[in-house]
Amino acid sequence: MVEINPTEIKLRMSKAINSFKKDLSGLRVGRASSSMLDQINVNAYGSSMPINQISTISVPEARLLLVSVWDSSLVSITEKSIRESPLGLNPMVEGNVIRIAIPALSEDRRIEITKVAAKYAENAKIAVRNIRRDNIENTRKLQKNSEISEDQKHQDELLIQDITDEIIKSIDDILLNKEKEILENTNQFLDKILNR
C-alpha cells in the first residue's frame, strides 16, 4: 500500500513560509537594515544579479544605508535599480558609494507597506495551495489505479488539508505580527504628537 509522507508535504509547504519571511525582511519599517535591499536585482555582466553580489551594504546609522559598489561601471545601474524598486527609496551617488537615507514612514506609507506584506502572504498561500492540489491529485490517481482504497484516499485528503490549514495559519500569524510591527510605530508616533 502506498502512503503519503506528511513530513515531506510539511517540508515543501514550509519553503513557502521561509520565502514569505525573506520577502517580509525586505520591507522597510522605519529603521535601516541591509536585508531591505535583498529583493533588488541589478542587470550586471549580462545577467540579473542580487545587489549583495556586486556590492557591500552597511548600516552606519539607524536611518542610513551605504551601498559600496565594487565595479564603478555598475554604480549608475545599481542606483537606478534601487530608485525603481517598490521600496520608495531615494538613493544618492557619491563616487562608488550609494547613500540611502531612510525617511521616517508616514502613516500612508505604513498602510501601503502592510498591503505589500499582505500580497506576499497571498503569494505564499498560493504556493501552499498548489502543493496541496498536487498531493490531492496524486492521492486520487493512486485510488483510481487501485493502489489505495477509497477510505485511504479520504484519510489522505483530510491529512493533506490539515497540514495545509496549519501552514496557512502560520502564514496568517506571521503577517499579523508584521502588520502590528509596521503599524505599531504609527501609534507611538501619534501618541508622541498628542501627548506633547
C-alpha atoms as a PDB file:
ATOM      1  CA  MET A   1       0.000   0.000   0.000  1.00  0.00           C
ATOM      2  CA  VAL A   2       1.277   3.491  -0.881  1.00  0.00           C
ATOM      3  CA  GLU A   3       1.231   6.022   1.952  1.00  0.00           C
ATOM      4  CA  ILE A   4       1.629   9.756   1.798  1.00  0.00           C
ATOM      5  CA  ASN A   5       4.523  11.323   3.661  1.00  0.00           C
ATOM      6  CA  PRO A   6       3.187  14.145   5.878  1.00  0.00           C
ATOM      7  CA  THR A   7       6.739  15.231   6.800  1.00  0.00           C
ATOM      8  CA  GLU A   8       7.652  15.716   3.147  1.00  0.00           C
ATOM      9  CA  ILE A   9       4.446  17.713   2.484  1.00  0.00           C
ATOM     10  CA  LYS A  10       5.145  19.931   5.542  1.00  0.00           C
ATOM     11  CA  LEU A  11       8.721  20.421   4.382  1.00  0.00           C
ATOM     12  CA  ARG A  12       7.619  21.524   0.910  1.00  0.00           C
ATOM     13  CA  MET A  13       4.984  23.887   2.344  1.00  0.00           C
ATOM     14  CA  SER A  14       7.482  25.278   4.883  1.00  0.00           C
ATOM     15  CA  LYS A  15       9.590  26.512   1.974  1.00  0.00           C
ATOM     16  CA  ALA A  16       6.708  28.889   1.144  1.00  0.00           C
ATOM     17  CA  ILE A  17       6.866  30.204   4.736  1.00  0.00           C
ATOM     18  CA  ASN A  18      10.640  30.700   4.510  1.00  0.00           C
ATOM     19  CA  SER A  19      10.274  32.548   1.211  1.00  0.00           C
ATOM     20  CA  PHE A  20       7.494  34.698   2.746  1.00  0.00           C
ATOM     21  CA  LYS A  21       9.699  35.565   5.754  1.00  0.00           C
ATOM     22  CA  LYS A  22      12.512  36.536   3.396  1.00  0.00           C
ATOM     23  CA  ASP A  23      10.131  38.790   1.436  1.00  0.00           C
ATOM     24  CA  LEU A  24       8.954  40.432   4.676  1.00  0.00           C
ATOM     25  CA  SER A  25      12.526  41.060   5.832  1.00  0.00           C
ATOM     26  CA  GLY A  26      12.906  43.353   2.823  1.00  0.00           C
ATOM     27  CA  LEU A  27      10.016  45.584   3.899  1.00  0.00           C
ATOM     28  CA  ARG A  28      11.019  48.896   5.386  1.00  0.00           C
ATOM     29  CA  VAL A  29       9.534  49.676   8.789  1.00  0.00           C
ATOM     30  CA  GLY A  30      11.413  52.885   9.606  1.00  0.00           C
ATOM     31  CA  ARG A  31      14.861  51.534  10.526  1.00  0.00           C
ATOM     32  CA  ALA A  32      17.667  50.857   8.082  1.00  0.00           C
ATOM     33  CA  SER A  33      18.505  47.181   7.566  1.00  0.00           C
ATOM     34  CA  SER A  34      20.825  45.649   4.979  1.00  0.00           C
ATOM     35  CA  SER A  35      18.180  42.971   4.294  1.00  0.00           C
ATOM     36  CA  MET A  36      15.864  45.717   2.964  1.00  0.00           C
ATOM     37  CA  LEU A  37      17.701  45.537  -0.348  1.00  0.00           C
ATOM     38  CA  ASP A  38      17.608  41.715  -0.653  1.00  0.00           C
ATOM     39  CA  GLN A  39      14.787  41.863  -3.210  1.00  0.00           C
ATOM     40  CA  ILE A  40      16.709  44.202  -5.533  1.00  0.00           C
ATOM     41  CA  ASN A  41      18.435  42.728  -8.575  1.00  0.00           C
ATOM     42  CA  VAL A  42      20.838  44.622 -10.819  1.00  0.00           C
ATOM     43  CA  ASN A  43      21.480  43.900 -14.506  1.00  0.00           C
ATOM     44  CA  ALA A  44      25.224  43.285 -14.348  1.00  0.00           C
ATOM     45  CA  TYR A  45      27.572  41.377 -16.631  1.00  0.00           C
ATOM     46  CA  GLY A  46      24.718  40.236 -18.869  1.00  0.00           C
ATOM     47  CA  SER A  47      22.502  38.800 -16.138  1.00  0.00           C
ATOM     48  CA  SER A  48      20.259  39.844 -13.267  1.00  0.00           C
ATOM     49  CA  MET A  49      22.246  39.656 -10.028  1.00  0.00           C
ATOM     50  CA  PRO A  50      21.249  40.256  -6.390  1.00  0.00           C
ATOM     51  CA  ILE A  51      22.586  43.616  -5.205  1.00  0.00           C
ATOM     52  CA  ASN A  52      24.667  41.961  -2.475  1.00  0.00           C
ATOM     53  CA  GLN A  53      26.689  40.101  -5.139  1.00  0.00           C
ATOM     54  CA  ILE A  54      28.009  43.332  -6.662  1.00  0.00           C
ATOM     55  CA  SER A  55      28.368  45.496  -3.537  1.00  0.00           C
ATOM     56  CA  THR A  56      28.815  45.704   0.210  1.00  0.00           C
ATOM     57  CA  ILE A  57      25.808  47.002   2.134  1.00  0.00           C
ATOM     58  CA  SER A  58      26.355  48.609   5.525  1.00  0.00           C
ATOM     59  CA  VAL A  59      24.194  50.383   8.113  1.00  0.00           C
ATOM     60  CA  PRO A  60      26.301  53.139   9.730  1.00  0.00           C
ATOM     61  CA  GLU A  61      23.252  54.802  11.359  1.00  0.00           C
ATOM     62  CA  ALA A  62      19.669  53.821  12.223  1.00  0.00           C
ATOM     63  CA  ARG A  63      18.315  55.709   9.200  1.00  0.00           C
ATOM     64  CA  LEU A  64      21.143  55.326   6.686  1.00  0.00           C
ATOM     65  CA  LEU A  65      22.250  52.597   4.280  1.00  0.00           C
ATOM     66  CA  LEU A  66      25.520  52.677   2.370  1.00  0.00           C
ATOM     67  CA  VAL A  67      25.901  50.545  -0.758  1.00  0.00           C
ATOM     68  CA  SER A  68      29.566  50.316  -1.811  1.00  0.00           C
ATOM     69  CA  VAL A  69      29.528  49.090  -5.415  1.00  0.00           C
ATOM     70  CA  TRP A  70      32.713  47.142  -6.261  1.00  0.00           C
ATOM     71  CA  ASP A  71      32.723  47.920 -10.004  1.00  0.00           C
ATOM     72  CA  SER A  72      32.396  51.646 -10.808  1.00  0.00           C
ATOM     73  CA  SER A  73      30.730  50.827 -14.157  1.00  0.00           C
ATOM     74  CA  LEU A  74      27.759  49.378 -12.207  1.00  0.00           C
ATOM     75  CA  VAL A  75      27.118  52.346  -9.900  1.00  0.00           C
ATOM     76  CA  SER A  76      24.508  54.127 -12.062  1.00  0.00           C
ATOM     77  CA  ILE A  77      22.598  50.924 -12.952  1.00  0.00           C
ATOM     78  CA  THR A  78      22.601  49.928  -9.246  1.00  0.00           C
ATOM     79  CA  GLU A  79      21.309  53.368  -8.247  1.00  0.00           C
ATOM     80  CA  LYS A  80      18.562  53.081 -10.896  1.00  0.00           C
ATOM     81  CA  SER A  81      17.555  49.589  -9.634  1.00  0.00           C
ATOM     82  CA  ILE A  82      17.235  50.924  -6.076  1.00  0.00           C
ATOM     83  CA  ARG A  83      15.263  54.004  -7.193  1.00  0.00           C
ATOM     84  CA  GLU A  84      12.842  51.923  -9.316  1.00  0.00           C
ATOM     85  CA  SER A  85      12.245  49.264  -6.647  1.00  0.00           C
ATOM     86  CA  PRO A  86       8.865  49.303  -4.832  1.00  0.00           C
ATOM     87  CA  LEU A  87      10.674  50.286  -1.601  1.00  0.00           C
ATOM     88  CA  GLY A  88      10.243  54.020  -2.271  1.00  0.00           C
ATOM     89  CA  LEU A  89      13.897  54.879  -1.612  1.00  0.00           C
ATOM     90  CA  ASN A  90      15.808  57.918  -2.892  1.00  0.00           C
ATOM     91  CA  PRO A  91      19.472  56.908  -3.422  1.00  0.00           C
ATOM     92  CA  MET A  92      22.280  59.499  -3.764  1.00  0.00           C
ATOM     93  CA  VAL A  93      25.521  58.615  -5.560  1.00  0.00           C
ATOM     94  CA  GLU A  94      28.911  59.691  -4.135  1.00  0.00           C
ATOM     95  CA  GLY A  95      31.668  58.043  -6.202  1.00  0.00           C
ATOM     96  CA  ASN A  96      31.325  54.266  -5.829  1.00  0.00           C
ATOM     97  CA  VAL A  97      29.083  54.643  -2.773  1.00  0.00           C
ATOM     98  CA  ILE A  98      25.310  54.989  -2.891  1.00  0.00           C
ATOM     99  CA  ARG A  99      23.859  56.680   0.201  1.00  0.00           C
ATOM    100  CA  ILE A 100      20.258  55.871   1.047  1.00  0.00           C
ATOM    101  CA  ALA A 101      18.624  57.962   3.768  1.00  0.00           C
ATOM    102  CA  ILE A 102      15.697  56.072   5.251  1.00  0.00           C
ATOM    103  CA  PRO A 103      12.944  58.619   5.887  1.00  0.00           C
ATOM    104  CA  ALA A 104      10.532  58.205   8.765  1.00  0.00           C
ATOM    105  CA  LEU A 105       7.452  56.457   7.482  1.00  0.00           C
ATOM    106  CA  SER A 106       4.222  58.357   7.075  1.00  0.00           C
ATOM    107  CA  GLU A 107       1.012  56.657   8.114  1.00  0.00           C
ATOM    108  CA  ASP A 108       0.004  56.331   4.440  1.00  0.00           C
ATOM    109  CA  ARG A 109       3.330  54.662   3.629  1.00  0.00           C
ATOM    110  CA  ARG A 110       2.901  52.243   6.559  1.00  0.00           C
ATOM    111  CA  ILE A 111      -0.542  51.287   5.249  1.00  0.00           C
ATOM    112  CA  GLU A 112       0.983  50.771   1.789  1.00  0.00           C
ATOM    113  CA  ILE A 113       3.644  48.519   3.313  1.00  0.00           C
ATOM    114  CA  THR A 114       1.004  46.422   5.103  1.00  0.00           C
ATOM    115  CA  LYS A 115      -0.679  45.942   1.702  1.00  0.00           C
ATOM    116  CA  VAL A 116       2.618  44.739   0.212  1.00  0.00           C
ATOM    117  CA  ALA A 117       3.029  42.364   3.173  1.00  0.00           C
ATOM    118  CA  ALA A 118      -0.496  41.036   2.583  1.00  0.00           C
ATOM    119  CA  LYS A 119       0.367  40.469  -1.089  1.00  0.00           C
ATOM    120  CA  TYR A 120       3.475  38.494  -0.076  1.00  0.00           C
ATOM    121  CA  ALA A 121       1.279  36.438   2.294  1.00  0.00           C
ATOM    122  CA  GLU A 122      -1.192  35.715  -0.504  1.00  0.00           C
ATOM    123  CA  ASN A 123       1.655  34.561  -2.783  1.00  0.00           C
ATOM    124  CA  ALA A 124       2.860  32.204  -0.041  1.00  0.00           C
ATOM    125  CA  LYS A 125      -0.680  30.832   0.425  1.00  0.00           C
ATOM    126  CA  ILE A 126      -0.991  30.246  -3.320  1.00  0.00           C
ATOM    127  CA  ALA A 127       2.266  28.257  -3.259  1.00  0.00           C
ATOM    128  CA  VAL A 128       0.940  26.180  -0.328  1.00  0.00           C
ATOM    129  CA  ARG A 129      -2.413  25.560  -2.060  1.00  0.00           C
ATOM    130  CA  ASN A 130      -0.595  24.437  -5.216  1.00  0.00           C
ATOM    131  CA  ILE A 131       1.324  21.860  -3.151  1.00  0.00           C
ATOM    132  CA  ARG A 132      -1.975  20.741  -1.581  1.00  0.00           C
ATOM    133  CA  ARG A 133      -3.569  20.405  -5.033  1.00  0.00           C
ATOM    134  CA  ASP A 134      -0.631  18.362  -6.376  1.00  0.00           C
ATOM    135  CA  ASN A 135      -0.759  15.993  -3.402  1.00  0.00           C
ATOM    136  CA  ILE A 136      -4.533  15.560  -3.568  1.00  0.00           C
ATOM    137  CA  GLU A 137      -4.348  14.881  -7.321  1.00  0.00           C
ATOM    138  CA  ASN A 138      -1.637  12.302  -6.670  1.00  0.00           C
ATOM    139  CA  THR A 139      -3.779  10.637  -3.974  1.00  0.00           C
ATOM    140  CA  ARG A 140      -6.757  10.494  -6.350  1.00  0.00           C
ATOM    141  CA  LYS A 141      -4.592   8.934  -9.061  1.00  0.00           C
ATOM    142  CA  LEU A 142      -3.404   6.269  -6.617  1.00  0.00           C
ATOM    143  CA  GLN A 143      -7.012   5.464  -5.700  1.00  0.00           C
ATOM    144  CA  LYS A 144      -8.066   5.422  -9.359  1.00  0.00           C
ATOM    145  CA  ASN A 145      -5.232   2.974 -10.130  1.00  0.00           C
ATOM    146  CA  SER A 146      -6.393   0.815  -7.181  1.00  0.00           C
ATOM    147  CA  GLU A 147      -3.118   1.377  -5.316  1.00  0.00           C
ATOM    148  CA  ILE A 148      -5.034   2.716  -2.299  1.00  0.00           C
ATOM    149  CA  SER A 149      -8.617   2.251  -1.088  1.00  0.00           C
ATOM    150  CA  GLU A 150     -11.356   4.880  -1.181  1.00  0.00           C
ATOM    151  CA  ASP A 151     -11.083   5.144   2.626  1.00  0.00           C
ATOM    152  CA  GLN A 152      -7.328   5.672   2.416  1.00  0.00           C
ATOM    153  CA  LYS A 153      -7.827   8.356  -0.247  1.00  0.00           C
ATOM    154  CA  HIS A 154     -10.315  10.115   2.029  1.00  0.00           C
ATOM    155  CA  GLN A 155      -7.963   9.919   5.050  1.00  0.00           C
ATOM    156  CA  ASP A 156      -5.028  11.170   2.979  1.00  0.00           C
ATOM    157  CA  GLU A 157      -7.036  14.111   1.648  1.00  0.00           C
ATOM    158  CA  LEU A 158      -8.064  15.059   5.214  1.00  0.00           C
ATOM    159  CA  LEU A 159      -4.437  14.821   6.366  1.00  0.00           C
ATOM    160  CA  ILE A 160      -3.225  16.982   3.447  1.00  0.00           C
ATOM    161  CA  GLN A 161      -5.944  19.550   4.253  1.00  0.00           C
ATOM    162  CA  ASP A 162      -4.977  19.575   7.965  1.00  0.00           C
ATOM    163  CA  ILE A 163      -1.330  20.241   7.080  1.00  0.00           C
ATOM    164  CA  THR A 164      -2.424  22.972   4.637  1.00  0.00           C
ATOM    165  CA  ASP A 165      -4.611  24.647   7.292  1.00  0.00           C
ATOM    166  CA  GLU A 166      -1.735  24.557   9.797  1.00  0.00           C
ATOM    167  CA  ILE A 167       0.719  26.173   7.342  1.00  0.00           C
ATOM    168  CA  ILE A 168      -1.829  28.802   6.200  1.00  0.00           C
ATOM    169  CA  LYS A 169      -2.438  29.677   9.882  1.00  0.00           C
ATOM    170  CA  SER A 170       1.334  30.131  10.344  1.00  0.00           C
ATOM    171  CA  ILE A 171       1.420  32.492   7.358  1.00  0.00           C
ATOM    172  CA  ASP A 172      -1.538  34.470   8.784  1.00  0.00           C
ATOM    173  CA  ASP A 173       0.172  34.688  12.205  1.00  0.00           C
ATOM    174  CA  ILE A 174       3.444  35.924  10.669  1.00  0.00           C
ATOM    175  CA  LEU A 175       1.523  38.516   8.633  1.00  0.00           C
ATOM    176  CA  LEU A 176      -0.420  39.692  11.699  1.00  0.00           C
ATOM    177  CA  ASN A 177       2.821  40.187  13.671  1.00  0.00           C
ATOM    178  CA  LYS A 178       4.427  42.063  10.798  1.00  0.00           C
ATOM    179  CA  GLU A 179       1.367  44.318  10.404  1.00  0.00           C
ATOM    180  CA  LYS A 180       1.479  45.075  14.152  1.00  0.00           C
ATOM    181  CA  GLU A 181       5.193  45.904  13.871  1.00  0.00           C
ATOM    182  CA  ILE A 182       4.581  48.216  10.901  1.00  0.00           C
ATOM    183  CA  LEU A 183       1.550  49.990  12.355  1.00  0.00           C
ATOM    184  CA  GLU A 184       2.724  49.994  15.999  1.00  0.00           C
ATOM    185  CA  ASN A 185       5.242  52.718  15.242  1.00  0.00           C
ATOM    186  CA  THR A 186       2.393  54.792  13.756  1.00  0.00           C
ATOM    187  CA  ASN A 187       0.518  54.562  17.056  1.00  0.00           C
ATOM    188  CA  GLN A 188       3.655  55.506  19.026  1.00  0.00           C
ATOM    189  CA  PHE A 189       4.259  58.417  16.670  1.00  0.00           C
ATOM    190  CA  LEU A 190       0.662  59.633  17.086  1.00  0.00           C
ATOM    191  CA  ASP A 191       0.924  59.246  20.883  1.00  0.00           C
ATOM    192  CA  LYS A 192       4.054  61.445  20.911  1.00  0.00           C
ATOM    193  CA  ILE A 193       2.306  64.166  18.925  1.00  0.00           C
ATOM    194  CA  LEU A 194      -0.883  64.054  21.006  1.00  0.00           C
ATOM    195  CA  ASN A 195       0.913  63.953  24.371  1.00  0.00           C
ATOM    196  CA  ARG A 196       3.231  66.926  23.736  1.00  0.00           C
END
